Amino acid sequence: MKSKILLAAMIVALLVAGCGKTAPTNTTQQPKEGSHAVETAKPSMPAPTQEAIDYHQYLKKTWTKKKDADNNFGNEVSFSISKIENGKITGELMVVGPAPSYPNALANLNGIIINDTVECQFTDSRENEGTIKLLFKPKNEMEATITLTNKAQDSKAQPPVGTFRFAPYNLKDIESFSPIENQAFMVDLNSWGKVKFVSGKLTGGNHIPVVFYLTDENGDILYNFQATLPYMVDVKAVSFEDVSQDGLKDIIIIVDDGYAGQGNAPLATVFFQKADGSFANDLKLDQEINDSKNNKDVKTVKSYLAGKR
């Protein structure tokens, strides 16, 4: 009897031990069935460390290369982004060579933003070929890596190769810039929205050219008009009118040329706004306006242009 009891106890012990061995096996099978154990074991996506970048804050500014560690610029290089739509950018690259001729090279930029980066292939106006990789960074900065795959024989305005930091070009960065306060205006210019039109002079040399810019409220330069006017002139009037009747405001500028040999002779120049927000200046039309003496005031210029239409 005792031996039967002992045998029964041994069998129970073996069964308990066997159940203990199979329990882990069942546990390891549960994750395959998609239990909560599997969900907690999966690596979670990292939490975002910063908010998504609003790319539109980089639009229509002139981004210029900062000085390097040796405090040198080399060839001046800048770019602007005129449009961002569905992740696609449209812009322009400009390189300016050394004085006194300041040769330049221009290239169109097109690309798609991926992870705050866009890479654009370009062929500039001097036939340099390459890529520029733009990295959108916070705190009003960008980074650009420029490579050249084909260098033009004319190297006067060749894009620099390397990785550079860029910041918006600001009025305070312009050496010897003197604003003309009574010829600066806040204006709503269609796709530009509300911007400031700034007139000024560069007073650091003997020539003293007149200059015109669009800026934002912080003085960051959005557009440089690069007017072709004589040196040493005074700005007499600026007017924002849709003279081409296309629904876009154009800009009429009249200056007084005190060195024309006839006292203060007026000169007019007109910038026509295009659909992409850029401005076109027809030098031949300017000459017609001035040769015909239809340039003494804004009203006279408008009447002449209306007759041309």
C-alpha atoms as a PDB file:
ATOM      1  CA  MET A   1       0.000   0.000   0.000  1.00  0.00           C
ATOM      2  CA  LYS A   2       2.792   2.319   0.968  1.00  0.00           C
ATOM      3  CA  SER A   3       4.527   1.568  -2.337  1.00  0.00           C
ATOM      4  CA  LYS A   4       1.374   2.541  -4.303  1.00  0.00           C
ATOM      5  CA  ILE A   5       1.090   5.821  -2.431  1.00  0.00           C
ATOM      6  CA  LEU A   6       4.763   6.531  -3.092  1.00  0.00           C
ATOM      7  CA  LEU A   7       4.336   5.723  -6.819  1.00  0.00           C
ATOM      8  CA  ALA A   8       1.294   8.026  -7.088  1.00  0.00           C
ATOM      9  CA  ALA A   9       3.223  10.840  -5.450  1.00  0.00           C
ATOM     10  CA  MET A  10       6.087  10.421  -7.930  1.00  0.00           C
ATOM     11  CA  ILE A  11       3.679  10.529 -10.916  1.00  0.00           C
ATOM     12  CA  VAL A  12       2.049  13.757  -9.621  1.00  0.00           C
ATOM     13  CA  ALA A  13       5.498  15.292  -9.150  1.00  0.00           C
ATOM     14  CA  LEU A  14       6.478  14.406 -12.718  1.00  0.00           C
ATOM     15  CA  LEU A  15       3.242  15.887 -14.114  1.00  0.00           C
ATOM     16  CA  VAL A  16       3.751  19.111 -12.199  1.00  0.00           C
ATOM     17  CA  ALA A  17       7.335  19.335 -13.469  1.00  0.00           C
ATOM     18  CA  GLY A  18       6.180  18.683 -17.044  1.00  0.00           C
ATOM     19  CA  CYS A  19       3.590  21.452 -16.836  1.00  0.00           C
ATOM     20  CA  GLY A  20       6.261  23.800 -15.582  1.00  0.00           C
ATOM     21  CA  LYS A  21       8.377  23.064 -18.679  1.00  0.00           C
ATOM     22  CA  THR A  22       5.553  23.620 -21.160  1.00  0.00           C
ATOM     23  CA  ALA A  23       4.390  26.917 -19.692  1.00  0.00           C
ATOM     24  CA  PRO A  24       7.270  28.964 -21.162  1.00  0.00           C
ATOM     25  CA  THR A  25       6.669  27.345 -24.545  1.00  0.00           C
ATOM     26  CA  ASN A  26       3.083  28.594 -24.571  1.00  0.00           C
ATOM     27  CA  THR A  27       4.265  32.041 -23.499  1.00  0.00           C
ATOM     28  CA  THR A  28       6.719  32.295 -26.368  1.00  0.00           C
ATOM     29  CA  GLN A  29       4.003  31.366 -28.844  1.00  0.00           C
ATOM     30  CA  GLN A  30       1.693  34.211 -27.749  1.00  0.00           C
ATOM     31  CA  PRO A  31       3.688  37.030 -29.338  1.00  0.00           C
ATOM     32  CA  LYS A  32       3.294  35.346 -32.724  1.00  0.00           C
ATOM     33  CA  GLU A  33      -0.461  35.683 -32.285  1.00  0.00           C
ATOM     34  CA  GLY A  34      -0.204  39.484 -31.899  1.00  0.00           C
ATOM     35  CA  SER A  35      -0.704  39.728 -28.149  1.00  0.00           C
ATOM     36  CA  HIS A  36       0.013  42.858 -26.083  1.00  0.00           C
ATOM     37  CA  ALA A  37       3.449  41.457 -25.362  1.00  0.00           C
ATOM     38  CA  VAL A  38       4.410  41.913 -29.011  1.00  0.00           C
ATOM     39  CA  GLU A  39       3.108  45.493 -29.113  1.00  0.00           C
ATOM     40  CA  THR A  40       5.178  46.544 -26.132  1.00  0.00           C
ATOM     41  CA  ALA A  41       8.240  44.788 -27.513  1.00  0.00           C
ATOM     42  CA  LYS A  42       8.171  46.748 -30.810  1.00  0.00           C
ATOM     43  CA  PRO A  43      10.460  49.811 -30.926  1.00  0.00           C
ATOM     44  CA  SER A  44       8.315  52.945 -30.784  1.00  0.00           C
ATOM     45  CA  MET A  45       8.756  55.790 -33.273  1.00  0.00           C
ATOM     46  CA  PRO A  46      10.989  58.528 -31.846  1.00  0.00           C
ATOM     47  CA  ALA A  47       9.107  61.581 -30.693  1.00  0.00           C
ATOM     48  CA  PRO A  48       9.683  64.610 -32.919  1.00  0.00           C
ATOM     49  CA  THR A  49      12.392  66.845 -31.497  1.00  0.00           C
ATOM     50  CA  GLN A  50      11.143  70.003 -33.226  1.00  0.00           C
ATOM     51  CA  GLU A  51       8.122  71.303 -35.057  1.00  0.00           C
ATOM     52  CA  ALA A  52       7.823  70.813 -38.798  1.00  0.00           C
ATOM     53  CA  ILE A  53       9.495  73.604 -40.735  1.00  0.00           C
ATOM     54  CA  ASP A  54       7.265  76.124 -42.467  1.00  0.00           C
ATOM     55  CA  TYR A  55       9.119  76.373 -45.776  1.00  0.00           C
ATOM     56  CA  HIS A  56       7.289  79.513 -46.829  1.00  0.00           C
ATOM     57  CA  GLN A  57       9.410  81.563 -44.422  1.00  0.00           C
ATOM     58  CA  TYR A  58      12.309  81.024 -46.853  1.00  0.00           C
ATOM     59  CA  LEU A  59      10.438  82.362 -49.853  1.00  0.00           C
ATOM     60  CA  LYS A  60      11.486  85.416 -51.881  1.00  0.00           C
ATOM     61  CA  LYS A  61      14.464  86.325 -49.736  1.00  0.00           C
ATOM     62  CA  THR A  62      17.928  86.844 -51.138  1.00  0.00           C
ATOM     63  CA  TRP A  63      20.130  84.291 -49.369  1.00  0.00           C
ATOM     64  CA  THR A  64      23.803  85.268 -49.356  1.00  0.00           C
ATOM     65  CA  LYS A  65      26.889  83.269 -48.412  1.00  0.00           C
ATOM     66  CA  LYS A  66      28.390  84.118 -45.040  1.00  0.00           C
ATOM     67  CA  LYS A  67      32.096  84.813 -44.686  1.00  0.00           C
ATOM     68  CA  ASP A  68      34.319  81.795 -44.120  1.00  0.00           C
ATOM     69  CA  ALA A  69      36.744  81.244 -41.242  1.00  0.00           C
ATOM     70  CA  ASP A  70      39.353  83.426 -42.973  1.00  0.00           C
ATOM     71  CA  ASN A  71      36.820  86.251 -43.269  1.00  0.00           C
ATOM     72  CA  ASN A  72      36.814  85.955 -47.062  1.00  0.00           C
ATOM     73  CA  PHE A  73      33.910  85.792 -49.473  1.00  0.00           C
ATOM     74  CA  GLY A  74      35.524  84.638 -52.720  1.00  0.00           C
ATOM     75  CA  ASN A  75      33.042  84.948 -55.571  1.00  0.00           C
ATOM     76  CA  GLU A  76      29.790  86.212 -54.137  1.00  0.00           C
ATOM     77  CA  VAL A  77      27.022  83.644 -54.408  1.00  0.00           C
ATOM     78  CA  SER A  78      23.367  84.032 -53.555  1.00  0.00           C
ATOM     79  CA  PHE A  79      20.104  82.313 -54.306  1.00  0.00           C
ATOM     80  CA  SER A  80      16.403  82.992 -53.955  1.00  0.00           C
ATOM     81  CA  ILE A  81      13.351  80.741 -53.840  1.00  0.00           C
ATOM     82  CA  SER A  82      10.424  82.252 -55.696  1.00  0.00           C
ATOM     83  CA  LYS A  83       7.895  79.435 -55.299  1.00  0.00           C
ATOM     84  CA  ILE A  84       7.187  76.341 -53.189  1.00  0.00           C
ATOM     85  CA  GLU A  85       4.198  74.226 -54.206  1.00  0.00           C
ATOM     86  CA  ASN A  86       3.494  70.591 -53.261  1.00  0.00           C
ATOM     87  CA  GLY A  87       7.095  70.212 -52.110  1.00  0.00           C
ATOM     88  CA  LYS A  88       8.526  71.512 -55.400  1.00  0.00           C
ATOM     89  CA  ILE A  89      10.698  74.615 -55.372  1.00  0.00           C
ATOM     90  CA  THR A  90      11.506  77.146 -58.079  1.00  0.00           C
ATOM     91  CA  GLY A  91      14.363  79.566 -57.635  1.00  0.00           C
ATOM     92  CA  GLU A  92      17.457  81.221 -59.010  1.00  0.00           C
ATOM     93  CA  LEU A  93      21.185  81.016 -58.308  1.00  0.00           C
ATOM     94  CA  MET A  94      23.461  84.015 -58.869  1.00  0.00           C
ATOM     95  CA  VAL A  95      27.254  84.243 -58.731  1.00  0.00           C
ATOM     96  CA  VAL A  96      29.065  87.588 -58.964  1.00  0.00           C
ATOM     97  CA  GLY A  97      32.775  87.814 -59.714  1.00  0.00           C
ATOM     98  CA  PRO A  98      35.334  90.365 -58.540  1.00  0.00           C
ATOM     99  CA  ALA A  99      35.573  94.112 -59.182  1.00  0.00           C
ATOM    100  CA  PRO A 100      35.800  96.194 -61.225  1.00  0.00           C
ATOM    101  CA  SER A 101      33.626  94.465 -63.841  1.00  0.00           C
ATOM    102  CA  TYR A 102      31.603  92.275 -61.420  1.00  0.00           C
ATOM    103  CA  PRO A 103      30.798  89.553 -63.987  1.00  0.00           C
ATOM    104  CA  ASN A 104      27.821  87.413 -63.058  1.00  0.00           C
ATOM    105  CA  ALA A 105      26.321  84.030 -63.819  1.00  0.00           C
ATOM    106  CA  LEU A 106      22.679  83.033 -63.389  1.00  0.00           C
ATOM    107  CA  ALA A 107      21.000  79.628 -63.173  1.00  0.00           C
ATOM    108  CA  ASN A 108      17.443  78.412 -62.627  1.00  0.00           C
ATOM    109  CA  LEU A 109      16.818  76.066 -59.701  1.00  0.00           C
ATOM    110  CA  ASN A 110      14.145  73.351 -59.557  1.00  0.00           C
ATOM    111  CA  GLY A 111      13.834  70.453 -57.111  1.00  0.00           C
ATOM    112  CA  ILE A 112      11.707  68.529 -54.614  1.00  0.00           C
ATOM    113  CA  ILE A 113      12.011  68.895 -50.832  1.00  0.00           C
ATOM    114  CA  ILE A 114      12.753  65.616 -49.015  1.00  0.00           C
ATOM    115  CA  ASN A 115      13.452  65.664 -45.254  1.00  0.00           C
ATOM    116  CA  ASP A 116      14.130  69.426 -45.191  1.00  0.00           C
ATOM    117  CA  THR A 117      16.601  69.067 -48.076  1.00  0.00           C
ATOM    118  CA  VAL A 118      16.336  69.783 -51.782  1.00  0.00           C
ATOM    119  CA  GLU A 119      18.923  69.024 -54.453  1.00  0.00           C
ATOM    120  CA  CYS A 120      18.876  70.963 -57.723  1.00  0.00           C
ATOM    121  CA  GLN A 121      20.894  70.427 -60.872  1.00  0.00           C
ATOM    122  CA  PHE A 122      21.824  73.590 -62.736  1.00  0.00           C
ATOM    123  CA  THR A 123      23.504  74.957 -65.833  1.00  0.00           C
ATOM    124  CA  ASP A 124      24.317  78.635 -65.441  1.00  0.00           C
ATOM    125  CA  SER A 125      24.510  81.376 -68.053  1.00  0.00           C
ATOM    126  CA  ARG A 126      28.278  80.795 -68.441  1.00  0.00           C
ATOM    127  CA  GLU A 127      27.773  77.032 -68.977  1.00  0.00           C
ATOM    128  CA  ASN A 128      29.005  75.876 -65.582  1.00  0.00           C
ATOM    129  CA  GLU A 129      27.143  72.683 -64.672  1.00  0.00           C
ATOM    130  CA  GLY A 130      26.625  71.237 -61.231  1.00  0.00           C
ATOM    131  CA  THR A 131      24.306  70.677 -58.275  1.00  0.00           C
ATOM    132  CA  ILE A 132      23.341  72.713 -55.263  1.00  0.00           C
ATOM    133  CA  LYS A 133      21.944  70.909 -52.231  1.00  0.00           C
ATOM    134  CA  LEU A 134      19.936  73.175 -49.920  1.00  0.00           C
ATOM    135  CA  LEU A 135      19.283  72.337 -46.272  1.00  0.00           C
ATOM    136  CA  PHE A 136      16.494  74.290 -44.588  1.00  0.00           C
ATOM    137  CA  LYS A 137      17.576  75.208 -41.060  1.00  0.00           C
ATOM    138  CA  PRO A 138      15.839  77.043 -38.203  1.00  0.00           C
ATOM    139  CA  LYS A 139      16.793  80.493 -36.921  1.00  0.00           C
ATOM    140  CA  ASN A 140      16.679  82.095 -40.358  1.00  0.00           C
ATOM    141  CA  GLU A 141      19.608  80.156 -41.801  1.00  0.00           C
ATOM    142  CA  MET A 142      20.200  77.770 -44.673  1.00  0.00           C
ATOM    143  CA  GLU A 143      23.092  75.576 -45.712  1.00  0.00           C
ATOM    144  CA  ALA A 144      24.125  74.892 -49.301  1.00  0.00           C
ATOM    145  CA  THR A 145      26.539  72.356 -50.742  1.00  0.00           C
ATOM    146  CA  ILE A 146      27.692  73.228 -54.260  1.00  0.00           C
ATOM    147  CA  THR A 147      29.445  70.783 -56.585  1.00  0.00           C
ATOM    148  CA  LEU A 148      30.523  71.326 -60.186  1.00  0.00           C
ATOM    149  CA  THR A 149      30.347  68.515 -62.726  1.00  0.00           C
ATOM    150  CA  ASN A 150      31.527  70.664 -65.636  1.00  0.00           C
ATOM    151  CA  LYS A 151      33.475  73.924 -65.386  1.00  0.00           C
ATOM    152  CA  ALA A 152      33.145  76.531 -68.108  1.00  0.00           C
ATOM    153  CA  GLN A 153      36.287  77.894 -69.744  1.00  0.00           C
ATOM    154  CA  ASP A 154      35.238  81.344 -68.544  1.00  0.00           C
ATOM    155  CA  SER A 155      35.941  81.173 -64.802  1.00  0.00           C
ATOM    156  CA  LYS A 156      35.271  84.815 -63.916  1.00  0.00           C
ATOM    157  CA  ALA A 157      31.969  84.094 -62.178  1.00  0.00           C
ATOM    158  CA  GLN A 158      32.365  80.411 -61.385  1.00  0.00           C
ATOM    159  CA  PRO A 159      30.293  79.052 -58.477  1.00  0.00           C
ATOM    160  CA  PRO A 160      32.434  78.207 -55.426  1.00  0.00           C
ATOM    161  CA  VAL A 161      32.600  74.516 -54.504  1.00  0.00           C
ATOM    162  CA  GLY A 162      31.933  73.357 -50.947  1.00  0.00           C
ATOM    163  CA  THR A 163      29.422  73.648 -48.122  1.00  0.00           C
ATOM    164  CA  PHE A 164      28.506  77.147 -46.998  1.00  0.00           C
ATOM    165  CA  ARG A 165      26.167  78.869 -44.561  1.00  0.00           C
ATOM    166  CA  PHE A 166      23.639  81.335 -45.919  1.00  0.00           C
ATOM    167  CA  ALA A 167      21.518  84.038 -44.287  1.00  0.00           C
ATOM    168  CA  PRO A 168      19.015  86.544 -45.691  1.00  0.00           C
ATOM    169  CA  TYR A 169      20.601  89.634 -47.202  1.00  0.00           C
ATOM    170  CA  ASN A 170      19.524  92.577 -45.048  1.00  0.00           C
ATOM    171  CA  LEU A 171      19.665  96.321 -45.589  1.00  0.00           C
ATOM    172  CA  LYS A 172      22.119  96.597 -42.691  1.00  0.00           C
ATOM    173  CA  ASP A 173      24.519  94.331 -44.607  1.00  0.00           C
ATOM    174  CA  ILE A 174      24.850  96.817 -47.470  1.00  0.00           C
ATOM    175  CA  GLU A 175      27.992  98.856 -47.020  1.00  0.00           C
ATOM    176  CA  SER A 176      27.431 102.648 -47.197  1.00  0.00           C
ATOM    177  CA  PHE A 177      23.685 102.260 -47.815  1.00  0.00           C
ATOM    178  CA  SER A 178      21.796 105.480 -47.087  1.00  0.00           C
ATOM    179  CA  PRO A 179      17.977 105.167 -47.189  1.00  0.00           C
ATOM    180  CA  ILE A 180      15.805 107.892 -48.714  1.00  0.00           C
ATOM    181  CA  GLU A 181      13.139 107.980 -46.033  1.00  0.00           C
ATOM    182  CA  ASN A 182      10.539 110.018 -47.938  1.00  0.00           C
ATOM    183  CA  GLN A 183      10.692 107.560 -50.857  1.00  0.00           C
ATOM    184  CA  ALA A 184      10.049 104.392 -48.839  1.00  0.00           C
ATOM    185  CA  PHE A 185       6.517 102.962 -48.802  1.00  0.00           C
ATOM    186  CA  MET A 186       4.560 100.027 -47.417  1.00  0.00           C
ATOM    187  CA  VAL A 187       2.599  98.556 -50.321  1.00  0.00           C
ATOM    188  CA  ASP A 188       0.525  95.482 -51.146  1.00  0.00           C
ATOM    189  CA  LEU A 189       2.069  94.027 -54.308  1.00  0.00           C
ATOM    190  CA  ASN A 190      -0.184  91.131 -55.314  1.00  0.00           C
ATOM    191  CA  SER A 191       1.599  87.826 -54.652  1.00  0.00           C
ATOM    192  CA  TRP A 192       4.229  89.617 -52.565  1.00  0.00           C
ATOM    193  CA  GLY A 193       1.622  90.663 -50.039  1.00  0.00           C
ATOM    194  CA  LYS A 194       2.412  93.646 -47.840  1.00  0.00           C
ATOM    195  CA  VAL A 195       6.053  94.613 -48.322  1.00  0.00           C
ATOM    196  CA  LYS A 196       8.205  97.723 -48.048  1.00  0.00           C
ATOM    197  CA  PHE A 197       9.564  99.478 -51.134  1.00  0.00           C
ATOM    198  CA  VAL A 198      12.869 101.095 -50.164  1.00  0.00           C
ATOM    199  CA  SER A 199      14.795 103.762 -52.073  1.00  0.00           C
ATOM    200  CA  GLY A 200      18.382 104.584 -51.184  1.00  0.00           C
ATOM    201  CA  LYS A 201      21.873 105.531 -52.289  1.00  0.00           C
ATOM    202  CA  LEU A 202      25.264 103.871 -51.989  1.00  0.00           C
ATOM    203  CA  THR A 203      27.411 106.707 -50.659  1.00  0.00           C
ATOM    204  CA  GLY A 204      30.733 104.928 -50.134  1.00  0.00           C
ATOM    205  CA  GLY A 205      32.350 105.927 -53.434  1.00  0.00           C
ATOM    206  CA  ASN A 206      32.492 108.755 -55.916  1.00  0.00           C
ATOM    207  CA  HIS A 207      29.662 107.565 -58.169  1.00  0.00           C
ATOM    208  CA  ILE A 208      26.786 107.272 -55.634  1.00  0.00           C
ATOM    209  CA  PRO A 209      24.257 105.084 -57.478  1.00  0.00           C
ATOM    210  CA  VAL A 210      20.583 104.997 -56.529  1.00  0.00           C
ATOM    211  CA  VAL A 211      19.157 101.604 -55.494  1.00  0.00           C
ATOM    212  CA  PHE A 212      15.690 100.150 -54.907  1.00  0.00           C
ATOM    213  CA  TYR A 213      14.611  97.083 -52.919  1.00  0.00           C
ATOM    214  CA  LEU A 214      11.580  95.232 -51.612  1.00  0.00           C
ATOM    215  CA  THR A 215      12.057  94.177 -47.983  1.00  0.00           C
ATOM    216  CA  ASP A 216      10.088  92.546 -45.202  1.00  0.00           C
ATOM    217  CA  GLU A 217       9.396  94.213 -41.862  1.00  0.00           C
ATOM    218  CA  ASN A 218      12.834  93.156 -40.562  1.00  0.00           C
ATOM    219  CA  GLY A 219      14.738  94.691 -43.472  1.00  0.00           C
ATOM    220  CA  ASP A 220      15.491  91.330 -45.128  1.00  0.00           C
ATOM    221  CA  ILE A 221      15.807  92.005 -48.854  1.00  0.00           C
ATOM    222  CA  LEU A 222      13.199  90.226 -50.929  1.00  0.00           C
ATOM    223  CA  TYR A 223      13.954  91.798 -54.305  1.00  0.00           C
ATOM    224  CA  ASN A 224      16.668  93.976 -55.853  1.00  0.00           C
ATOM    225  CA  PHE A 225      15.435  96.059 -58.791  1.00  0.00           C
ATOM    226  CA  GLN A 226      18.930  96.763 -60.190  1.00  0.00           C
ATOM    227  CA  ALA A 227      17.775  99.928 -61.924  1.00  0.00           C
ATOM    228  CA  THR A 228      19.819 101.187 -64.872  1.00  0.00           C
ATOM    229  CA  LEU A 229      20.013 104.890 -64.011  1.00  0.00           C
ATOM    230  CA  PRO A 230      22.787 107.490 -64.035  1.00  0.00           C
ATOM    231  CA  TYR A 231      24.858 108.172 -60.932  1.00  0.00           C
ATOM    232  CA  MET A 232      24.210 111.154 -58.667  1.00  0.00           C
ATOM    233  CA  VAL A 233      20.444 111.370 -59.235  1.00  0.00           C
ATOM    234  CA  ASP A 234      17.716 112.240 -56.737  1.00  0.00           C
ATOM    235  CA  VAL A 235      14.515 110.215 -56.453  1.00  0.00           C
ATOM    236  CA  LYS A 236      11.574 112.480 -57.253  1.00  0.00           C
ATOM    237  CA  ALA A 237       8.592 110.101 -57.253  1.00  0.00           C
ATOM    238  CA  VAL A 238       7.601 106.444 -56.954  1.00  0.00           C
ATOM    239  CA  SER A 239       4.146 105.167 -57.894  1.00  0.00           C
ATOM    240  CA  PHE A 240       2.547 101.731 -57.885  1.00  0.00           C
ATOM    241  CA  GLU A 241       0.152 101.440 -60.826  1.00  0.00           C
ATOM    242  CA  ASP A 242      -1.222  98.662 -63.019  1.00  0.00           C
ATOM    243  CA  VAL A 243      -0.132 100.394 -66.219  1.00  0.00           C
ATOM    244  CA  SER A 244      -0.098  97.165 -68.243  1.00  0.00           C
ATOM    245  CA  GLN A 245      -3.715  96.390 -67.268  1.00  0.00           C
ATOM    246  CA  ASP A 246      -2.969  92.765 -66.350  1.00  0.00           C
ATOM    247  CA  GLY A 247      -4.164  92.948 -62.746  1.00  0.00           C
ATOM    248  CA  LEU A 248      -0.608  93.286 -61.347  1.00  0.00           C
ATOM    249  CA  LYS A 249       0.842  96.477 -59.904  1.00  0.00           C
ATOM    250  CA  ASP A 250       3.780  97.912 -61.810  1.00  0.00           C
ATOM    251  CA  ILE A 251       6.231 100.521 -60.496  1.00  0.00           C
ATOM    252  CA  ILE A 252       6.972 103.916 -62.024  1.00  0.00           C
ATOM    253  CA  ILE A 253      10.109 105.674 -60.755  1.00  0.00           C
ATOM    254  CA  ILE A 254      11.076 109.223 -61.665  1.00  0.00           C
ATOM    255  CA  VAL A 255      14.447 110.731 -60.754  1.00  0.00           C
ATOM    256  CA  ASP A 256      16.054 114.138 -61.253  1.00  0.00           C
ATOM    257  CA  ASP A 257      19.375 114.062 -63.093  1.00  0.00           C
ATOM    258  CA  GLY A 258      21.314 117.124 -61.975  1.00  0.00           C
ATOM    259  CA  TYR A 259      24.233 116.295 -64.271  1.00  0.00           C
ATOM    260  CA  ALA A 260      22.322 116.200 -67.541  1.00  0.00           C
ATOM    261  CA  GLY A 261      23.552 119.660 -68.584  1.00  0.00           C
ATOM    262  CA  GLN A 262      20.027 121.099 -68.393  1.00  0.00           C
ATOM    263  CA  GLY A 263      19.565 121.623 -64.685  1.00  0.00           C
ATOM    264  CA  ASN A 264      17.435 118.962 -63.029  1.00  0.00           C
ATOM    265  CA  ALA A 265      16.271 116.871 -65.985  1.00  0.00           C
ATOM    266  CA  PRO A 266      13.686 114.178 -65.102  1.00  0.00           C
ATOM    267  CA  LEU A 267      14.242 110.549 -66.057  1.00  0.00           C
ATOM    268  CA  ALA A 268      11.626 107.820 -65.814  1.00  0.00           C
ATOM    269  CA  THR A 269      11.970 104.063 -65.533  1.00  0.00           C
ATOM    270  CA  VAL A 270       9.162 101.511 -65.327  1.00  0.00           C
ATOM    271  CA  PHE A 271       9.237  98.015 -63.802  1.00  0.00           C
ATOM    272  CA  PHE A 272       6.453  95.715 -65.003  1.00  0.00           C
ATOM    273  CA  GLN A 273       5.397  92.990 -62.579  1.00  0.00           C
ATOM    274  CA  LYS A 274       5.182  89.479 -64.033  1.00  0.00           C
ATOM    275  CA  ALA A 275       2.968  86.612 -62.914  1.00  0.00           C
ATOM    276  CA  ASP A 276       5.784  84.987 -60.921  1.00  0.00           C
ATOM    277  CA  GLY A 277       6.316  88.188 -58.899  1.00  0.00           C
ATOM    278  CA  SER A 278       9.504  89.279 -60.666  1.00  0.00           C
ATOM    279  CA  PHE A 279       9.797  92.656 -62.401  1.00  0.00           C
ATOM    280  CA  ALA A 280      10.868  93.363 -65.973  1.00  0.00           C
ATOM    281  CA  ASN A 281      12.443  96.648 -67.076  1.00  0.00           C
ATOM    282  CA  ASP A 282      12.253  97.506 -70.799  1.00  0.00           C
ATOM    283  CA  LEU A 283      15.220  99.827 -71.400  1.00  0.00           C
ATOM    284  CA  LYS A 284      14.024 100.628 -74.923  1.00  0.00           C
ATOM    285  CA  LEU A 285      10.650 101.741 -73.602  1.00  0.00           C
ATOM    286  CA  ASP A 286      12.341 103.832 -70.895  1.00  0.00           C
ATOM    287  CA  GLN A 287      14.373 105.586 -73.591  1.00  0.00           C
ATOM    288  CA  GLU A 288      11.211 106.293 -75.610  1.00  0.00           C
ATOM    289  CA  ILE A 289       9.528 107.831 -72.567  1.00  0.00           C
ATOM    290  CA  ASN A 290      12.515 110.016 -71.784  1.00  0.00           C
ATOM    291  CA  ASP A 291      13.343 111.028 -75.372  1.00  0.00           C
ATOM    292  CA  SER A 292       9.729 112.108 -75.878  1.00  0.00           C
ATOM    293  CA  LYS A 293       9.848 114.147 -72.632  1.00  0.00           C
ATOM    294  CA  ASN A 294       6.832 112.275 -71.259  1.00  0.00           C
ATOM    295  CA  ASN A 295       8.631 111.892 -67.957  1.00  0.00           C
ATOM    296  CA  LYS A 296       8.030 115.005 -65.870  1.00  0.00           C
ATOM    297  CA  ASP A 297       5.611 113.291 -63.444  1.00  0.00           C
ATOM    298  CA  VAL A 298       3.738 110.034 -62.836  1.00  0.00           C
ATOM    299  CA  LYS A 299       0.565 111.243 -64.556  1.00  0.00           C
ATOM    300  CA  THR A 300       2.462 112.052 -67.772  1.00  0.00           C
ATOM    301  CA  VAL A 301       4.181 108.655 -67.791  1.00  0.00           C
ATOM    302  CA  LYS A 302       0.848 106.875 -67.269  1.00  0.00           C
ATOM    303  CA  SER A 303      -0.762 108.795 -70.137  1.00  0.00           C
ATOM    304  CA  TYR A 304       2.095 107.929 -72.469  1.00  0.00           C
ATOM    305  CA  LEU A 305       1.923 104.229 -71.570  1.00  0.00           C
ATOM    306  CA  ALA A 306      -1.865 104.223 -72.000  1.00  0.00           C
ATOM    307  CA  GLY A 307      -1.357 105.568 -75.542  1.00  0.00           C
ATOM    308  CA  LYS A 308       1.170 102.777 -76.236  1.00  0.00           C
ATOM    309  CA  ARG A 309      -1.434 100.149 -75.337  1.00  0.00           C
END
